C-alpha atoms as a PDB file:
ATOM      1  CA  MET A   1     185.894 -69.810-198.995  1.00  0.00           C
ATOM      2  CA  LYS A   2     185.801 -72.895-196.763  1.00  0.00           C
ATOM      3  CA  LYS A   3     184.145 -72.344-193.407  1.00  0.00           C
ATOM      4  CA  GLN A   4     185.621 -74.059-190.369  1.00  0.00           C
ATOM      5  CA  ARG A   5     182.438 -74.915-188.518  1.00  0.00           C
ATOM      6  CA  PRO A   6     182.351 -77.465-185.731  1.00  0.00           C
ATOM      7  CA  VAL A   7     180.609 -80.665-186.737  1.00  0.00           C
ATOM      8  CA  ASN A   8     178.905 -82.784-184.092  1.00  0.00           C
ATOM      9  CA  LEU A   9     178.572 -86.350-185.310  1.00  0.00           C
ATOM     10  CA  ASP A  10     177.700 -87.813-181.904  1.00  0.00           C
ATOM     11  CA  LEU A  11     173.898 -87.940-182.072  1.00  0.00           C
ATOM     12  CA  ASN A  12     173.650 -88.986-178.415  1.00  0.00           C
ATOM     13  CA  THR A  13     174.689 -85.489-177.333  1.00  0.00           C
ATOM     14  CA  ILE A  14     171.967 -83.680-179.297  1.00  0.00           C
ATOM     15  CA  LYS A  15     168.929 -82.713-177.209  1.00  0.00           C
ATOM     16  CA  PHE A  16     165.822 -81.769-179.146  1.00  0.00           C
ATOM     17  CA  PRO A  17     163.480 -79.166-177.638  1.00  0.00           C
ATOM     18  CA  PRO A  18     159.891 -80.272-176.932  1.00  0.00           C
ATOM     19  CA  SER A  19     158.583 -78.376-179.951  1.00  0.00           C
ATOM     20  CA  ALA A  20     160.901 -80.358-182.249  1.00  0.00           C
ATOM     21  CA  ILE A  21     159.881 -83.648-180.640  1.00  0.00           C
ATOM     22  CA  SER A  22     156.221 -82.683-181.075  1.00  0.00           C
ATOM     23  CA  SER A  23     156.708 -81.878-184.745  1.00  0.00           C
ATOM     24  CA  ILE A  24     158.596 -85.120-185.391  1.00  0.00           C
ATOM     25  CA  LEU A  25     155.923 -87.137-183.543  1.00  0.00           C
ATOM     26  CA  HIS A  26     153.234 -85.496-185.676  1.00  0.00           C
ATOM     27  CA  ARG A  27     154.963 -86.753-188.826  1.00  0.00           C
ATOM     28  CA  VAL A  28     155.695 -90.194-187.374  1.00  0.00           C
ATOM     29  CA  THR A  29     152.077 -90.693-186.318  1.00  0.00           C
ATOM     30  CA  GLY A  30     150.933 -89.732-189.813  1.00  0.00           C
ATOM     31  CA  VAL A  31     153.112 -92.480-191.282  1.00  0.00           C
ATOM     32  CA  ALA A  32     151.973 -94.915-188.570  1.00  0.00           C
ATOM     33  CA  MET A  33     148.335 -94.245-189.429  1.00  0.00           C
ATOM     34  CA  PHE A  34     149.063 -95.004-193.090  1.00  0.00           C
ATOM     35  CA  PHE A  35     150.431 -98.430-192.181  1.00  0.00           C
ATOM     36  CA  ALA A  36     147.634 -99.027-189.668  1.00  0.00           C
ATOM     37  CA  LEU A  37     145.168 -98.270-192.429  1.00  0.00           C
ATOM     38  CA  LEU A  38     146.611-101.169-194.416  1.00  0.00           C
ATOM     39  CA  PHE A  39     145.789-103.505-191.518  1.00  0.00           C
ATOM     40  CA  VAL A  40     142.292-102.027-191.163  1.00  0.00           C
ATOM     41  CA  ILE A  41     141.554-102.413-194.885  1.00  0.00           C
ATOM     42  CA  TRP A  42     142.809-106.006-194.799  1.00  0.00           C
ATOM     43  CA  ALA A  43     140.658-106.785-191.741  1.00  0.00           C
ATOM     44  CA  TRP A  44     137.574-105.247-193.379  1.00  0.00           C
ATOM     45  CA  ALA A  45     138.137-107.140-196.611  1.00  0.00           C
ATOM     46  CA  VAL A  46     138.621-110.487-194.869  1.00  0.00           C
ATOM     47  CA  SER A  47     135.749-110.004-192.430  1.00  0.00           C
ATOM     48  CA  LEU A  48     133.302-109.092-195.194  1.00  0.00           C
ATOM     49  CA  GLY A  49     134.370-112.004-197.383  1.00  0.00           C
ATOM     50  CA  SER A  50     132.696-114.777-195.404  1.00  0.00           C
ATOM     51  CA  ALA A  51     131.458-115.790-191.999  1.00  0.00           C
ATOM     52  CA  GLN A  52     134.684-117.706-191.418  1.00  0.00           C
ATOM     53  CA  GLY A  53     136.729-114.624-192.393  1.00  0.00           C
ATOM     54  CA  PHE A  54     134.764-112.556-189.900  1.00  0.00           C
ATOM     55  CA  ALA A  55     135.432-115.139-187.183  1.00  0.00           C
ATOM     56  CA  ASP A  56     139.145-115.190-188.068  1.00  0.00           C
ATOM     57  CA  VAL A  57     139.426-111.408-187.821  1.00  0.00           C
ATOM     58  CA  GLN A  58     137.491-111.485-184.559  1.00  0.00           C
ATOM     59  CA  VAL A  59     139.980-113.990-183.107  1.00  0.00           C
ATOM     60  CA  ILE A  60     142.912-111.834-184.250  1.00  0.00           C
ATOM     61  CA  MET A  61     141.381-108.668-182.784  1.00  0.00           C
ATOM     62  CA  ASP A  62     140.704-110.423-179.464  1.00  0.00           C
ATOM     63  CA  GLY A  63     144.342-111.551-179.275  1.00  0.00           C
ATOM     64  CA  PHE A  64     147.481-109.672-178.288  1.00  0.00           C
ATOM     65  CA  ILE A  65     148.366-108.517-181.809  1.00  0.00           C
ATOM     66  CA  GLY A  66     144.896-107.160-182.505  1.00  0.00           C
ATOM     67  CA  LYS A  67     144.762-105.247-179.251  1.00  0.00           C
ATOM     68  CA  PHE A  68     148.290-103.944-179.761  1.00  0.00           C
ATOM     69  CA  VAL A  69     147.432-102.709-183.264  1.00  0.00           C
ATOM     70  CA  ALA A  70     144.137-101.195-182.088  1.00  0.00           C
ATOM     71  CA  ILE A  71     145.760 -99.330-179.201  1.00  0.00           C
ATOM     72  CA  GLY A  72     148.632 -98.197-181.428  1.00  0.00           C
ATOM     73  CA  THR A  73     146.254 -96.983-184.124  1.00  0.00           C
ATOM     74  CA  VAL A  74     144.080 -95.044-181.684  1.00  0.00           C
ATOM     75  CA  SER A  75     147.201 -93.642-180.033  1.00  0.00           C
ATOM     76  CA  ALA A  76     148.642 -92.480-183.369  1.00  0.00           C
ATOM     77  CA  LEU A  77     145.310 -90.959-184.383  1.00  0.00           C
ATOM     78  CA  THR A  78     144.972 -89.205-181.009  1.00  0.00           C
ATOM     79  CA  TYR A  79     148.434 -87.657-181.191  1.00  0.00           C
ATOM     80  CA  HIS A  80     148.041 -86.699-184.830  1.00  0.00           C
ATOM     81  CA  ILE A  81     144.780 -84.876-184.058  1.00  0.00           C
ATOM     82  CA  LEU A  82     146.248 -83.134-180.987  1.00  0.00           C
ATOM     83  CA  GLY A  83     149.409 -82.190-182.880  1.00  0.00           C
ATOM     84  CA  GLY A  84     147.346 -80.981-185.828  1.00  0.00           C
ATOM     85  CA  ILE A  85     145.266 -78.754-183.559  1.00  0.00           C
ATOM     86  CA  ARG A  86     148.490 -77.391-182.047  1.00  0.00           C
ATOM     87  CA  HIS A  87     149.950 -76.707-185.496  1.00  0.00           C
ATOM     88  CA  GLY A  88     146.695 -75.050-186.586  1.00  0.00           C
ATOM     89  CA  ILE A  89     146.765 -72.744-183.583  1.00  0.00           C
ATOM     90  CA  MET A  90     150.388 -71.915-184.361  1.00  0.00           C
ATOM     91  CA  ASP A  91     149.383 -71.133-187.962  1.00  0.00           C
ATOM     92  CA  MET A  92     146.956 -68.540-186.569  1.00  0.00           C
ATOM     93  CA  GLY A  93     149.871 -66.783-184.862  1.00  0.00           C
ATOM     94  CA  TYR A  94     149.697 -68.158-181.328  1.00  0.00           C
ATOM     95  CA  TRP A  95     152.307 -70.200-179.418  1.00  0.00           C
ATOM     96  CA  GLU A  96     155.067 -69.157-181.813  1.00  0.00           C
ATOM     97  CA  GLU A  97     157.433 -67.917-179.117  1.00  0.00           C
ATOM     98  CA  LEU A  98     159.997 -70.353-177.764  1.00  0.00           C
ATOM     99  CA  GLU A  99     158.519 -70.673-174.283  1.00  0.00           C
ATOM    100  CA  SER A 100     154.867 -70.939-175.314  1.00  0.00           C
ATOM    101  CA  GLY A 101     155.753 -73.301-178.190  1.00  0.00           C
ATOM    102  CA  ASN A 102     157.620 -75.652-175.861  1.00  0.00           C
ATOM    103  CA  THR A 103     154.840 -75.428-173.253  1.00  0.00           C
ATOM    104  CA  SER A 104     152.161 -76.270-175.818  1.00  0.00           C
ATOM    105  CA  ALA A 105     154.277 -79.179-177.078  1.00  0.00           C
ATOM    106  CA  ASN A 106     154.674 -80.544-173.539  1.00  0.00           C
ATOM    107  CA  VAL A 107     150.933 -80.183-172.893  1.00  0.00           C
ATOM    108  CA  VAL A 108     150.048 -82.012-176.127  1.00  0.00           C
ATOM    109  CA  ILE A 109     152.502 -84.822-175.365  1.00  0.00           C
ATOM    110  CA  GLY A 110     151.171 -85.098-171.800  1.00  0.00           C
ATOM    111  CA  ILE A 111     147.527 -85.236-172.923  1.00  0.00           C
ATOM    112  CA  TRP A 112     148.475 -87.827-175.549  1.00  0.00           C
ATOM    113  CA  ILE A 113     150.150 -90.076-172.970  1.00  0.00           C
ATOM    114  CA  VAL A 114     147.150 -89.857-170.619  1.00  0.00           C
ATOM    115  CA  LEU A 115     144.653 -90.575-173.422  1.00  0.00           C
ATOM    116  CA  THR A 116     146.752 -93.481-174.685  1.00  0.00           C
ATOM    117  CA  LEU A 117     146.801 -95.009-171.203  1.00  0.00           C
ATOM    118  CA  VAL A 118     143.033 -94.560-170.883  1.00  0.00           C
ATOM    119  CA  VAL A 119     142.424 -96.177-174.270  1.00  0.00           C
ATOM    120  CA  GLY A 120     144.886 -98.954-173.479  1.00  0.00           C
ATOM    121  CA  VAL A 121     143.122 -99.808-170.238  1.00  0.00           C
ATOM    122  CA  ALA A 122     139.704 -99.610-171.901  1.00  0.00           C
ATOM    123  CA  LEU A 123     140.637-101.852-174.843  1.00  0.00           C
ATOM    124  CA  TRP A 124     142.672-104.401-172.919  1.00  0.00           C
END
């Protein structure tokens, strides 16, 4: 039997609840940390190779790209930790209702934004 369900192909009309955004951000920050780790491993390898390599990495980290990567990495790590704590609390049976789940997601996102701004100001 073929079901006649409405299909919404206009993705601009879909509004995700905060709990969905929080869950998606948790996964995205995990992937971002993987790629940031590649940069960190490269920087460690080059900086430990020679004095000139250390100086080169130091110049990169003092520049725009280095600061951008550092702030992005700390931001991704911060959100991933906050989101992980939120998910852990939900695994214990708390914040599973719609209202409390959305409230906890908004709080985590708000704390993440504030901490990212603080780190950004401190590292810049």
